[in-house]
Protein backbone atom coordinates (compact mmCIF):
# COMPACT_ATOMS: atom_id res chain seq x y z
CA MET A 1 0.00 0.00 0.00
CA SER A 2 1.17 3.49 -0.66
CA ALA A 3 0.30 6.79 0.92
CA GLU A 4 2.02 10.03 0.16
CA SER A 5 1.75 13.68 0.97
CA PHE A 6 3.38 15.12 -2.14
CA SER A 7 6.66 13.38 -1.25
CA GLY A 8 9.11 12.10 -3.81
CA PRO A 9 9.97 8.44 -4.32
CA THR A 10 12.62 6.73 -2.23
CA THR A 11 14.88 3.87 -3.25
CA ASN A 12 16.82 1.20 -1.38
CA THR A 13 17.84 -2.11 -2.92
CA GLU A 14 20.73 -4.57 -3.29
CA ASN A 15 19.41 -6.43 -6.31
CA VAL A 16 20.23 -5.76 -9.97
CA GLU A 17 16.56 -6.05 -10.80
CA GLY A 18 15.78 -3.32 -8.32
CA LYS A 19 13.08 -5.51 -6.76
CA LYS A 20 12.43 -3.22 -3.81
CA ASN A 21 11.98 0.01 -5.67
CA SER A 22 11.72 -0.43 -9.41
CA PRO A 23 8.41 -1.40 -11.05
CA GLN A 24 8.27 -4.19 -13.60
CA PHE A 25 7.65 -1.83 -16.51
CA LEU A 26 10.91 0.01 -15.76
CA LYS A 27 12.91 -3.23 -15.44
CA GLN A 28 11.55 -4.41 -18.79
CA PHE A 29 12.36 -1.02 -20.31
CA SER A 30 15.97 -1.26 -19.09
CA ARG A 31 16.33 -4.77 -20.57
CA GLU A 32 15.22 -3.47 -23.94
CA ASN A 33 17.23 -0.25 -23.93
CA SER A 34 20.16 -0.50 -21.50
CA GLN A 35 21.32 -4.11 -21.52
CA GLU A 36 25.03 -3.20 -21.68
CA GLU A 37 24.76 -1.03 -18.54
CA ARG A 38 22.76 -3.78 -16.83
CA ASN A 39 25.52 -6.28 -17.62
CA SER A 40 28.19 -3.93 -16.26
CA ILE A 41 26.28 -3.39 -13.01
CA ALA A 42 25.63 -7.12 -12.68
CA ALA A 43 29.38 -7.80 -13.02
CA ALA A 44 30.15 -5.15 -10.39
CA ILE A 45 27.61 -6.68 -8.04
CA ARG A 46 29.05 -10.17 -8.53
CA GLU A 47 32.52 -8.84 -7.67
CA ARG A 48 31.21 -7.10 -4.56
CA ARG A 49 29.44 -10.27 -3.49
CA ARG A 50 32.66 -12.29 -4.01
CA GLU A 51 34.51 -9.83 -1.81
CA ARG A 52 31.73 -9.98 0.75
CA ASP A 53 31.73 -13.79 0.82
CA ALA A 54 35.53 -13.90 1.20
CA TRP A 55 35.38 -11.37 4.02
CA ARG A 56 32.66 -13.34 5.80
CA ALA A 57 34.64 -16.61 5.50
CA GLU A 58 37.78 -15.05 7.00
CA GLN A 59 35.69 -13.39 9.69
CA ASN A 60 34.18 -16.76 10.58
CA VAL A 61 37.70 -18.23 11.03
CA ARG A 62 38.68 -15.38 13.32
CA MET A 63 35.48 -15.79 15.33
CA GLU A 64 36.20 -19.48 15.78
CA ARG A 65 39.69 -18.66 17.13
CA LYS A 66 38.16 -16.21 19.58
CA GLU A 67 35.53 -18.72 20.74
CA SER A 68 38.24 -21.41 21.23
CA ALA A 69 40.30 -19.01 23.36
CA GLU A 70 37.21 -18.09 25.40
CA THR A 71 36.38 -21.77 26.04
CA GLY A 72 39.96 -22.64 27.15
CA LEU A 73 40.11 -19.55 29.32
CA GLU A 74 36.87 -20.46 31.07
CA ILE A 75 38.21 -23.96 31.92
CA LEU A 76 41.44 -22.53 33.35
CA ARG A 77 39.50 -19.90 35.31
CA SER A 78 37.47 -22.63 37.04
CA GLN A 79 40.69 -24.50 37.96
CA VAL A 80 42.26 -21.34 39.37
CA ASP A 81 39.11 -20.70 41.41
CA SER A 82 39.22 -24.26 42.84
CA TYR A 83 42.80 -23.81 44.01
CA SER A 84 41.92 -20.48 45.57
CA SER A 85 39.20 -22.15 47.68
CA GLU A 86 41.42 -24.97 49.00
CA SER A 87 43.23 -24.95 52.37
CA PHE A 88 46.69 -23.53 52.77
CA LEU A 89 48.27 -27.02 53.06
CA GLY A 90 46.61 -28.17 49.86
CA LYS A 91 47.99 -25.18 47.97
CA ILE A 92 51.53 -26.00 49.18
CA ARG A 93 51.32 -29.64 48.03
CA ASP A 94 50.04 -28.62 44.60
CA TYR A 95 52.02 -25.39 44.25
CA PHE A 96 53.77 -26.29 41.04
CA ALA A 97 50.54 -27.42 39.39
CA TYR A 98 48.84 -24.24 40.56
CA ARG A 99 51.69 -22.09 39.12
CA ASN A 100 51.50 -23.92 35.82
CA ILE A 101 47.74 -23.35 35.51
CA LYS A 102 48.14 -19.62 36.22
CA ALA A 103 50.79 -19.42 33.52
CA GLN A 104 48.44 -21.15 31.07
CA PHE A 105 45.67 -18.74 32.10
CA ALA A 106 47.85 -15.73 31.32
CA GLU A 107 48.83 -17.22 27.94
CA LYS A 108 45.23 -17.98 26.99
CA SER A 109 44.17 -14.45 28.04
CA GLY A 110 46.76 -13.12 25.62
CA GLU A 111 45.38 -15.34 22.85
CA LEU A 112 41.89 -13.96 23.47
CA VAL A 113 43.10 -10.36 23.29
CA THR A 114 44.94 -11.14 20.05
CA ALA A 115 41.86 -12.85 18.56
CA GLN A 116 39.58 -9.94 19.47
CA GLY A 117 42.10 -7.48 18.04
CA ALA A 118 42.17 -9.40 14.76
CA ILE A 119 38.38 -9.34 14.60
CA ASP A 120 38.22 -5.61 15.29
CA GLN A 121 40.87 -4.90 12.65
CA TRP A 122 39.08 -7.06 10.07
CA THR A 123 35.76 -5.40 10.83
CA GLN A 124 37.26 -1.97 10.20
CA GLY A 125 38.32 -3.17 6.77
CA LYS A 126 34.88 -4.47 5.87
CA PRO A 127 34.08 -3.97 2.17
CA GLU A 128 31.58 -1.18 1.45
CA PHE A 129 28.58 -3.09 0.13
CA GLN A 130 26.45 0.07 0.27
CA GLU A 131 28.17 0.98 -2.99
CA VAL A 132 25.96 -1.64 -4.65
CA ASN A 133 22.88 0.23 -3.53
CA LYS A 134 24.30 3.44 -4.92
CA LEU A 135 25.10 1.82 -8.25
CA LEU A 136 21.57 0.50 -8.53
CA LYS A 137 19.96 3.76 -7.49
CA ASN A 138 21.96 5.74 -10.02
CA PHE A 139 21.17 3.22 -12.74
CA TYR A 140 17.42 3.23 -12.18
CA ASP A 141 17.34 7.00 -11.73
CA GLY A 142 18.89 7.20 -15.18
CA GLU A 143 16.36 4.71 -16.54
CA LYS A 144 13.52 6.82 -15.15
CA GLU A 145 14.88 9.81 -17.06
CA LYS A 146 15.13 7.76 -20.25
CA TRP A 147 11.61 6.45 -19.66
CA ALA A 148 10.18 9.95 -19.23
CA LYS A 149 11.81 11.15 -22.48
CA ALA A 150 10.87 8.09 -24.55
CA GLY A 151 8.20 8.29 -27.21
CA TYR A 152 5.15 6.08 -27.25
CA THR A 153 2.62 4.47 -29.55
CA PRO A 154 -1.06 3.61 -29.04
CA GLU A 155 0.13 0.04 -28.46
CA ASP A 156 2.31 1.29 -25.58
CA LEU A 157 -0.69 3.05 -24.03
CA GLU A 158 -2.84 -0.05 -24.34
CA GLN A 159 -0.16 -2.18 -22.70
CA GLN A 160 0.94 0.15 -19.92
CA PHE A 161 -2.50 1.36 -18.85
CA GLY A 162 -4.17 -2.00 -18.41
CA GLU A 163 -6.21 -2.23 -15.23
CA GLU A 164 -4.21 -5.04 -13.67
CA ARG A 165 -0.93 -3.22 -14.21
CA LEU A 166 -2.18 0.11 -12.83
CA ALA A 167 -3.83 -1.52 -9.81
CA GLY A 168 -0.55 -3.15 -8.77
CA LEU A 169 1.49 0.07 -8.74
CA SER A 170 2.32 2.22 -5.74
CA ALA A 171 1.64 5.95 -5.93
CA ASP A 172 5.32 6.63 -6.66
CA ASP A 173 5.52 4.03 -9.43
CA TYR A 174 2.23 5.33 -10.81
CA ALA A 175 3.82 8.76 -11.17
CA THR A 176 6.90 7.24 -12.82
CA LEU A 177 4.71 5.45 -15.36
CA MET A 178 2.76 8.59 -16.22
CA ARG A 179 5.86 10.72 -16.89
CA ARG A 180 6.29 9.04 -20.26
CA PHE A 181 2.71 9.62 -21.40
CA PRO A 182 0.19 12.48 -21.62
CA GLY A 183 -0.74 13.48 -18.09
CA GLU A 184 -4.35 14.62 -18.47
CA MET A 185 -6.61 13.12 -15.81
CA LEU A 186 -10.27 12.43 -15.17
CA THR A 187 -11.76 12.93 -11.73
CA HIS A 188 -14.75 11.95 -9.64
CA VAL A 189 -15.54 13.71 -6.36
CA THR A 190 -17.19 11.57 -3.70
CA ARG A 191 -20.00 12.26 -1.23
CA GLN A 192 -18.59 11.80 2.26
CA GLY A 193 -19.93 13.83 5.18
CA ILE A 194 -22.51 16.62 5.15
CA ARG A 195 -23.29 18.13 1.76
CA ASP A 196 -22.99 21.83 2.51
CA HIS A 197 -23.30 23.30 -1.00
CA ALA A 198 -24.95 22.83 -4.37
CA ASP A 199 -23.79 25.13 -7.13
CA SER A 200 -26.18 23.74 -9.71
CA PHE A 201 -29.97 23.79 -9.75
CA TRP A 202 -29.94 20.27 -11.21
CA HIS A 203 -27.73 18.73 -8.54
CA THR A 204 -29.16 19.63 -5.15
CA ALA A 205 -29.95 16.13 -3.87
CA GLY A 206 -28.63 15.45 -0.40
CA VAL A 207 -27.93 19.05 0.63
CA GLY A 208 -27.90 19.19 4.42
CA GLY A 209 -27.77 15.41 4.71
CA PHE A 210 -25.00 13.02 5.70
CA SER A 211 -23.52 10.60 3.16
CA ASN A 212 -21.09 7.69 3.53
CA GLY A 213 -20.37 7.46 -0.18
CA PHE A 214 -16.62 7.08 0.14
CA LYS A 215 -16.78 4.41 2.84
CA GLU A 216 -19.26 2.46 0.73
CA MET A 217 -16.89 2.79 -2.20
CA LEU A 218 -14.00 1.49 -0.06
CA ALA A 219 -16.01 -1.58 0.93
CA ASP A 220 -16.95 -2.26 -2.70
CA ARG A 221 -13.51 -1.42 -4.17
CA LYS A 222 -15.25 0.13 -7.22
CA LEU A 223 -16.43 3.45 -8.59
CA ARG A 224 -19.80 2.57 -10.05
CA SER A 225 -22.57 4.08 -12.13
CA CYS A 226 -26.06 4.62 -10.71
CA LEU A 227 -27.22 1.51 -12.53
CA SER A 228 -24.28 -0.55 -11.33
CA ILE A 229 -24.90 0.44 -7.72
CA ALA A 230 -28.50 -0.73 -7.99
CA LEU A 231 -27.51 -4.00 -9.68
CA GLN A 232 -25.52 -5.05 -6.60
CA GLU A 233 -28.79 -6.05 -4.90
CA HIS A 234 -29.27 -9.75 -4.12
CA SER A 235 -31.98 -10.25 -6.72
CA LYS A 236 -32.63 -8.64 -10.08
CA GLU A 237 -36.12 -7.63 -8.98
CA GLU A 238 -34.78 -5.91 -5.85
CA ALA A 239 -32.10 -4.23 -7.92
CA MET A 240 -34.58 -2.89 -10.42
CA ALA A 241 -36.99 -1.71 -7.71
CA LYS A 242 -34.10 0.21 -6.14
CA PHE A 243 -33.06 1.62 -9.53
CA LEU A 244 -36.62 2.85 -10.15
CA ARG A 245 -36.97 4.09 -6.54
CA LEU A 246 -40.34 2.39 -6.33
CA ASP A 247 -40.45 2.68 -2.53
CA ASP A 248 -40.76 6.45 -2.98
CA LEU A 249 -43.55 6.29 -5.56
CA ARG A 250 -47.29 6.15 -4.91
CA SER A 251 -48.93 5.13 -8.15
CA ARG A 252 -48.51 3.16 -11.35
CA GLY A 253 -48.44 6.43 -13.28
CA ASP A 254 -45.53 7.68 -11.22
CA ALA A 255 -43.74 4.38 -11.75
CA LEU A 256 -44.24 4.45 -15.52
CA LEU A 257 -42.97 8.02 -15.66
CA MET A 258 -39.89 6.92 -13.71
CA HIS A 259 -39.46 4.06 -16.19
CA LYS A 260 -39.38 6.57 -19.03
CA ASN A 261 -36.95 8.80 -17.14
CA LYS A 262 -34.60 5.85 -16.60
CA PHE A 263 -34.76 4.14 -19.97
CA ASP A 264 -35.82 6.71 -22.56
CA TYR A 265 -35.25 10.36 -21.82
CA SER A 266 -35.50 12.81 -18.95
CA MET A 267 -35.11 16.52 -18.28
CA ALA A 268 -31.43 15.91 -17.64
CA SER A 269 -30.62 13.72 -20.62
CA SER A 270 -31.98 12.59 -23.97
CA ASN A 271 -30.24 9.23 -23.44
CA ALA A 272 -31.43 8.37 -19.97
CA PHE A 273 -30.24 4.76 -19.84
CA ALA A 274 -26.74 5.59 -21.06
CA ASP A 275 -26.62 8.38 -18.49
CA SER A 276 -27.47 5.96 -15.66
CA ALA A 277 -25.19 3.21 -16.99
CA ALA A 278 -22.13 5.45 -17.23
CA VAL A 279 -19.57 6.40 -14.61
CA HIS A 280 -19.45 10.19 -14.69
CA LEU A 281 -16.04 11.89 -14.67
CA ALA A 282 -14.71 15.39 -15.30
CA SER A 283 -11.55 16.15 -17.25
CA GLU A 284 -8.72 18.25 -15.85
CA HIS A 285 -10.84 19.62 -13.02
CA VAL A 286 -12.42 18.37 -9.81
CA MET A 287 -16.12 19.31 -9.88
CA ASP A 288 -16.41 19.67 -6.12
CA SER A 289 -18.42 22.90 -6.30
CA MET A 290 -21.19 21.14 -8.25
CA TYR A 291 -21.09 17.56 -6.99
CA GLY A 292 -19.04 17.60 -3.80
CA SER A 293 -19.93 17.30 -0.15
CA GLU A 294 -17.96 19.37 2.39
CA ARG A 295 -15.99 22.45 1.44
CA GLY A 296 -12.39 22.01 2.50
CA ASN A 297 -12.90 18.29 3.08
CA GLU A 298 -13.43 16.84 -0.40
CA ILE A 299 -12.29 13.31 -1.29
CA PHE A 300 -11.83 12.57 -4.98
CA ILE A 301 -10.55 9.87 -7.34
CA ALA A 302 -8.30 10.61 -10.31
CA TYR A 303 -7.74 8.33 -13.33
CA PRO A 304 -5.36 8.96 -16.24
CA SER A 305 -7.27 9.98 -19.36
CA ALA A 306 -4.90 7.61 -21.20
CA TYR A 307 -6.38 4.71 -19.21
CA VAL A 308 -9.97 5.50 -20.20
CA ALA A 309 -9.04 6.27 -23.82
CA SER A 310 -7.08 3.03 -24.32
CA GLN A 311 -9.15 0.57 -22.28
CA LEU A 312 -12.81 1.67 -22.18
CA ASN A 313 -15.65 3.09 -24.25
CA TYR A 314 -16.74 6.60 -23.35
CA GLY A 315 -19.01 9.45 -24.46
CA GLY A 316 -20.75 12.34 -22.78
CA LYS A 317 -19.98 15.99 -23.35
CA GLY A 318 -16.71 17.29 -24.76
CA THR A 319 -13.42 15.40 -24.90
CA LEU A 320 -11.04 13.74 -22.46
CA ILE A 321 -8.72 16.74 -22.41
CA ASP A 322 -11.24 19.55 -21.84
CA ARG A 323 -10.53 21.96 -19.00
CA GLY A 324 -12.61 24.07 -16.68
CA PRO A 325 -15.45 23.81 -14.16
CA GLY A 326 -18.43 24.18 -16.47
CA GLN A 327 -21.41 21.86 -16.13
CA HIS A 328 -20.70 20.42 -19.58
CA ASN A 329 -17.44 18.94 -18.33
CA ASP A 330 -19.11 15.55 -18.00
CA LYS A 331 -17.58 12.40 -19.50
CA TRP A 332 -19.62 9.20 -19.58
CA VAL A 333 -17.47 6.09 -19.15
CA TYR A 334 -18.90 2.64 -19.85
CA THR A 335 -17.46 -0.42 -18.14
CA LYS A 336 -17.84 -4.08 -19.08
CA ASP A 337 -21.09 -5.60 -17.75
CA HIS A 338 -21.62 -2.45 -15.68
CA GLU A 339 -18.89 -3.63 -13.27
CA GLY A 340 -17.54 -0.17 -12.53
CA MET A 341 -14.00 1.19 -12.40
CA PRO A 342 -11.64 -0.42 -9.86
CA LEU A 343 -10.67 1.99 -7.11
CA ASP A 344 -7.07 0.72 -7.11
CA VAL A 345 -6.63 1.67 -10.77
CA GLY A 346 -6.78 5.37 -9.84
CA LEU A 347 -5.36 7.70 -7.22
CA VAL A 348 -7.44 8.45 -4.13
CA PHE A 349 -6.94 12.02 -2.90
CA ILE A 350 -7.87 12.68 0.74
CA PRO A 351 -7.60 16.01 2.59
CA GLU A 352 -4.76 16.05 5.07
CA ASP A 353 -5.48 18.98 7.34
CA ALA A 354 -9.26 19.42 7.59
CA GLN A 355 -10.44 19.39 11.21
CA VAL A 356 -13.08 16.66 11.42
CA ASP A 357 -15.18 14.99 14.07
CA LEU A 358 -13.32 12.16 15.78
CA GLU A 359 -16.21 9.74 15.23
CA THR A 360 -17.88 10.81 11.96
CA GLY A 361 -15.03 12.31 9.92
CA SER A 362 -17.20 15.36 9.16
CA ARG A 363 -16.27 19.00 9.71
CA TYR A 364 -19.69 19.54 11.22
CA LYS A 365 -21.52 18.72 14.41
CA ILE A 366 -24.18 16.07 13.82
CA GLY A 367 -27.44 16.40 15.76
CA GLU A 368 -29.50 13.62 17.31
CA ASN A 369 -31.55 13.34 14.12
CA GLY A 370 -28.43 12.71 12.04
CA GLU A 371 -28.55 16.17 10.46
CA PRO A 372 -26.16 19.11 10.83
CA VAL A 373 -26.76 21.76 13.46
CA ILE A 374 -27.61 25.17 11.99
CA PRO A 375 -25.91 28.02 13.89
CA GLN A 376 -28.62 30.35 15.11
CA GLN A 377 -26.44 33.13 16.48
CA ARG A 378 -25.81 34.77 13.12
CA ILE A 379 -29.53 34.66 12.20
CA ASN A 380 -30.67 35.76 15.67
CA GLU A 381 -28.28 38.71 15.63
CA ALA A 382 -29.56 39.88 12.25
CA LEU A 383 -33.22 39.52 13.27
CA ALA A 384 -32.66 41.29 16.60
CA ALA A 385 -30.85 44.13 14.87
CA ARG A 386 -33.73 44.64 12.46
CA PHE A 387 -36.77 44.13 14.68
CA GLU A 388 -35.57 45.08 18.16
CA LYS A 389 -33.55 48.19 17.42
CA PRO A 390 -34.62 51.28 15.46
CA GLY A 391 -32.82 52.52 12.40
CA PHE A 392 -31.54 49.18 11.02
CA ILE A 393 -32.82 49.73 7.47
CA GLN A 394 -31.72 53.36 7.46
CA THR A 395 -28.22 52.38 8.60
CA PHE A 396 -27.42 49.26 6.53
CA VAL A 397 -29.58 49.81 3.45
CA GLN A 398 -29.43 53.58 3.00
CA GLN A 399 -26.58 55.23 4.90
CA LEU A 400 -23.70 52.75 5.34
CA PRO A 401 -23.28 51.69 1.68
CA TYR A 402 -23.21 55.35 0.59
CA ARG A 403 -20.81 56.45 3.35
CA MET A 404 -18.42 53.56 2.72
CA ASN A 405 -18.47 54.24 -1.00
CA GLN A 406 -17.58 57.91 -0.40
CA ALA A 407 -14.97 57.32 2.30
CA PRO A 408 -11.26 56.63 1.70
CA GLU A 409 -10.49 52.93 1.67
CA GLN A 410 -8.54 53.07 4.93
CA ASP A 411 -11.61 54.48 6.77
CA ARG A 412 -14.23 52.00 5.54
CA ALA A 413 -13.49 49.26 8.08
CA ALA A 414 -14.02 51.71 10.95
CA LEU A 415 -17.38 52.83 9.55
CA ALA A 416 -18.56 49.22 9.27
CA GLU A 417 -17.28 48.37 12.76
CA ALA A 418 -19.21 51.27 14.28
CA ALA A 419 -22.43 50.13 12.62
CA PHE A 420 -21.93 46.52 13.76
CA ALA A 421 -21.24 47.63 17.33
CA GLU A 422 -24.33 49.83 17.41
CA PHE A 423 -26.64 46.96 16.40
CA GLY A 424 -24.85 44.13 18.25
CA ILE A 425 -23.60 42.24 15.17
CA THR A 426 -20.65 40.08 16.32
CA ASP A 427 -20.82 36.97 14.10
CA PRO A 428 -18.25 37.21 11.24
CA ASP A 429 -20.61 35.70 8.65
CA ALA A 430 -23.42 38.05 9.68
CA ARG A 431 -21.06 40.99 9.31
CA ARG A 432 -20.01 39.90 5.82
CA ALA A 433 -23.65 39.45 4.84
CA LEU A 434 -24.62 42.98 5.83
CA LEU A 435 -21.88 44.37 3.59
CA ASP A 436 -22.98 42.33 0.56
CA PRO A 437 -24.99 44.46 -1.91
CA ARG A 438 -26.88 41.37 -3.12
CA LEU A 439 -28.36 40.77 0.32
CA ILE A 440 -28.92 44.47 1.03
CA ASP A 441 -31.00 44.79 -2.15
CA LYS A 442 -33.21 41.86 -1.08
CA LEU A 443 -33.73 43.40 2.36
CA ALA A 444 -34.74 46.69 0.76
CA ASP A 445 -37.28 44.93 -1.47
CA ILE A 446 -39.20 43.37 1.42
CA TRP A 447 -39.04 46.38 3.79
CA GLY A 448 -42.48 46.93 5.32
CA GLN A 449 -44.10 43.90 3.67
CA GLU A 450 -46.40 41.50 5.49
CA ASP A 451 -44.51 38.65 7.20
CA GLU A 452 -41.34 40.68 6.83
CA LYS A 453 -39.65 38.90 9.76
CA LYS A 454 -40.33 35.46 8.32
CA GLU A 455 -38.96 36.58 4.95
CA TYR A 456 -35.87 38.05 6.64
CA GLU A 457 -35.19 34.71 8.27
CA LYS A 458 -35.55 32.86 4.95
CA ILE A 459 -33.25 35.30 3.16
CA PHE A 460 -30.54 35.17 5.82
CA THR A 461 -30.75 31.37 6.16
CA LYS A 462 -30.37 30.88 2.40
CA TYR A 463 -27.60 33.44 2.19
CA PHE A 464 -25.58 31.88 5.00
CA HIS A 465 -25.94 28.43 3.51
CA GLN A 466 -24.67 29.58 0.13
CA ASN A 467 -21.97 31.97 1.24
CA ALA A 468 -20.81 31.24 4.77
CA GLU A 469 -17.52 29.44 5.09
CA SER A 470 -19.23 27.02 7.47
CA PRO A 471 -23.02 26.94 7.00
CA TYR A 472 -23.38 24.52 9.93
CA GLU A 473 -21.91 24.37 13.41
CA LEU A 474 -18.40 22.94 13.40
CA ALA A 475 -17.56 19.75 15.27
CA ASP A 476 -16.14 20.11 18.77
CA ASN A 477 -14.00 17.00 19.30
CA THR A 478 -11.79 17.03 16.21
CA VAL A 479 -8.67 15.48 14.70
CA SER A 480 -6.99 16.10 11.37
CA SER A 481 -8.63 14.37 8.41
CA ARG A 482 -5.41 12.43 7.84
CA GLU A 483 -5.49 11.11 11.41
CA TYR A 484 -9.13 10.12 11.00
CA TRP A 485 -8.59 8.16 7.78
CA GLU A 486 -5.32 6.56 8.86
CA LYS A 487 -7.14 5.26 11.95
CA TYR A 488 -10.04 4.08 9.76
CA PHE A 489 -7.68 2.19 7.44
CA GLN A 490 -5.87 0.68 10.41
CA GLU A 491 -9.16 -0.59 11.82
CA ASN A 492 -10.30 -1.77 8.37
CA PRO A 493 -7.08 -2.95 6.68
CA GLY A 494 -8.84 -4.47 3.68
CA TYR A 495 -10.39 -1.10 2.83
CA ARG A 496 -7.26 0.93 2.19
CA PRO A 497 -6.80 1.84 -1.51
CA SER A 498 -3.49 0.90 -3.08
CA LYS A 499 -2.69 4.54 -3.88
CA VAL A 500 -3.59 7.27 -1.39
CA VAL A 501 -2.44 10.87 -1.71
CA PHE A 502 -3.05 13.16 1.26
CA TYR A 503 -3.31 16.74 0.08
CA PRO A 504 -3.19 20.01 2.04
CA GLY A 505 -5.17 23.19 1.69
CA GLY A 506 -8.64 21.98 0.79
CA ASP A 507 -8.62 22.89 -2.95
CA PRO A 508 -9.04 19.62 -4.92
CA SER A 509 -8.22 20.91 -8.42
CA ARG A 510 -5.13 22.70 -7.17
CA ALA A 511 -4.08 19.54 -5.31
CA LEU A 512 -4.29 17.51 -8.51
CA GLY A 513 -2.20 20.06 -10.39
CA GLU A 514 0.40 20.25 -7.61
CA TRP A 515 0.73 16.47 -7.44
CA ARG A 516 1.40 16.25 -11.18
CA GLU A 517 3.86 19.12 -11.07
CA LYS A 518 5.76 17.63 -8.14
CA SER A 519 5.74 14.22 -9.80
CA GLY A 520 7.18 15.59 -13.05
CA ILE A 521 4.10 14.72 -15.12
CA VAL A 522 4.27 17.45 -17.73
CA LYS A 523 3.43 15.88 -21.09
CA ARG A 524 0.12 16.73 -22.75
CA THR A 525 -1.56 15.60 -25.95
CA GLU A 526 -3.45 17.39 -28.70
CA ASP A 527 -5.23 14.19 -29.71
CA PRO A 528 -8.33 13.90 -27.47
CA THR A 529 -8.72 10.22 -28.40
CA TYR A 530 -5.07 9.26 -27.71
CA GLY A 531 -5.11 7.22 -30.91
CA PHE A 532 -8.22 5.24 -29.96
CA SER A 533 -10.98 7.05 -31.85
CA GLU A 534 -13.04 3.84 -31.92
CA HIS A 535 -13.53 4.09 -28.13
CA LYS A 536 -15.30 7.46 -28.43
CA ILE A 537 -18.91 6.39 -28.94
CA ALA A 538 -22.29 8.06 -29.18
CA ASP A 539 -24.50 7.84 -26.11
CA SER A 540 -27.23 6.43 -28.33
CA SER A 541 -25.00 3.63 -29.65
CA ALA A 542 -25.46 -0.05 -28.90
CA GLU A 543 -22.18 -0.09 -26.94
CA ALA A 544 -23.51 2.59 -24.57
CA ASN A 545 -26.83 0.81 -24.09
CA VAL A 546 -25.76 -2.76 -23.40
CA GLY A 547 -28.56 -4.60 -21.60
CA LYS A 548 -31.07 -1.77 -22.00
CA ASP A 549 -33.88 -3.81 -23.57
CA ARG A 550 -33.49 -6.69 -21.12
CA LEU A 551 -33.40 -4.42 -18.09
CA ALA A 552 -36.28 -2.26 -19.40
CA SER A 553 -38.44 -5.39 -19.70
CA LEU A 554 -37.47 -6.47 -16.19
CA ALA A 555 -38.29 -2.98 -14.90
CA ARG A 556 -41.71 -3.08 -16.52
CA LYS A 557 -42.39 -6.47 -14.90
CA VAL A 558 -41.37 -5.12 -11.48
CA ILE A 559 -43.71 -2.15 -11.96
CA ASP A 560 -46.57 -4.47 -12.98
CA ASP A 561 -45.99 -6.58 -9.86
CA ARG A 562 -45.83 -3.56 -7.57
CA PHE A 563 -48.58 -1.52 -9.26
CA PRO A 564 -50.95 -3.85 -11.14
CA ASN A 565 -52.82 -2.38 -14.10
CA THR A 566 -56.36 -2.30 -12.73
């Protein structure tokens, strides 16, 4: 498993194949392009190993001499001790034997000192086997440079970006592989935590609710389409009922309309089935503002565009190398038998420094009902300022904007602070709101209307949700997001992706760009198909609608069973 925080690769090996640090594709590349250098290094390693073996053999002889001296010395020491414990008369009778043993003891002690000295001297002259590691490191560093500069063919892309090969790479080896090829990437942002924003009218589902999308993905090991997620049910009928959301529908008419929206066309797509059957990805940008969950705490998956182009069929809007955050940056990727895209084939980016709840992993405090807690102070302050103190409208709608506009820039903060102090506005988000012309105009429009207070509350609540840095109350008992996920992976070892990148700062698109820059992935392509134009298919094609007729018939049967035609 590999986890990095924008750190470069490390190497350490004593094998000519570079087994500990060099991926198979690089070893194969060196065999094909640098065989002479490989032979030279292999010869150097064999010589170093011969020297090492000779040194070890001589060292073993010297150790044996030392051990022999130690054994003899121990025997003589016991004899000397026995004489020392005997009576005076016994020592006199055996004096000459005693003297002889002491002489032998002194001689054997000298042998031991000599043996230890020989060992110490030999150890100091130990051959430097670390040189082998250096030779290997330098060789494979050079091969990495050759690899990055080498050209490529569509056949190379097809071979190198196979799913099995990509899944088996560490994050560092993944980066090494990509340096040779165009580095454009496709991304998918997950739903994990409280969804605190929705920058598109069409994608507001789940706002204010808690999702465990990433954890579910970790358990499944796949990034799946909507259809594929439903098809994981135990029976086809259950799967189709889930896909049609029949539990939420009340009538046969509603169910038939849902059938049309899933298999024919909908307000969102003229190819509804292909839309549901596809894994949706964005090119060269992480669409967190439109599809994400928690600002500053977004988890996303990144796949090389070269992988999709060379291995899978795809369609959707635009090309695989489009840039930018627009809603049309939506690529539809079709996988075999709706199996989804393996998580280990891509890179999993996880925030490193978001402060999240120790138990939930969310930035926000979760209430008893499982929903986020809305901070009332900012709303209460605004309402109290308007309806409990005179002159609010005159100050913030009429006078303050004009005075701040006329005043020198260095004096504007003081004018605003005086107004906030007068009306008891202390919350930072409430202060920012009352200086926003968009909100001020809305307040002016409803001034004096019936149910003005209720409308004020609606306006402020909506504004804070859309614009506040934290629309909900932040969690109290927090750890860093890296700590949270490292603990989660430790407790669930089978869930850890093969390639995890922890990124700082909370900006997903910037994190992706910084990882590529740091990894030396700089090549780009002008061919949006990467030489595989046959994989770019129409969303109405048979390849994009595999299984549509069969599943549509099954769906109709499930509807008939649930809502009989009476």
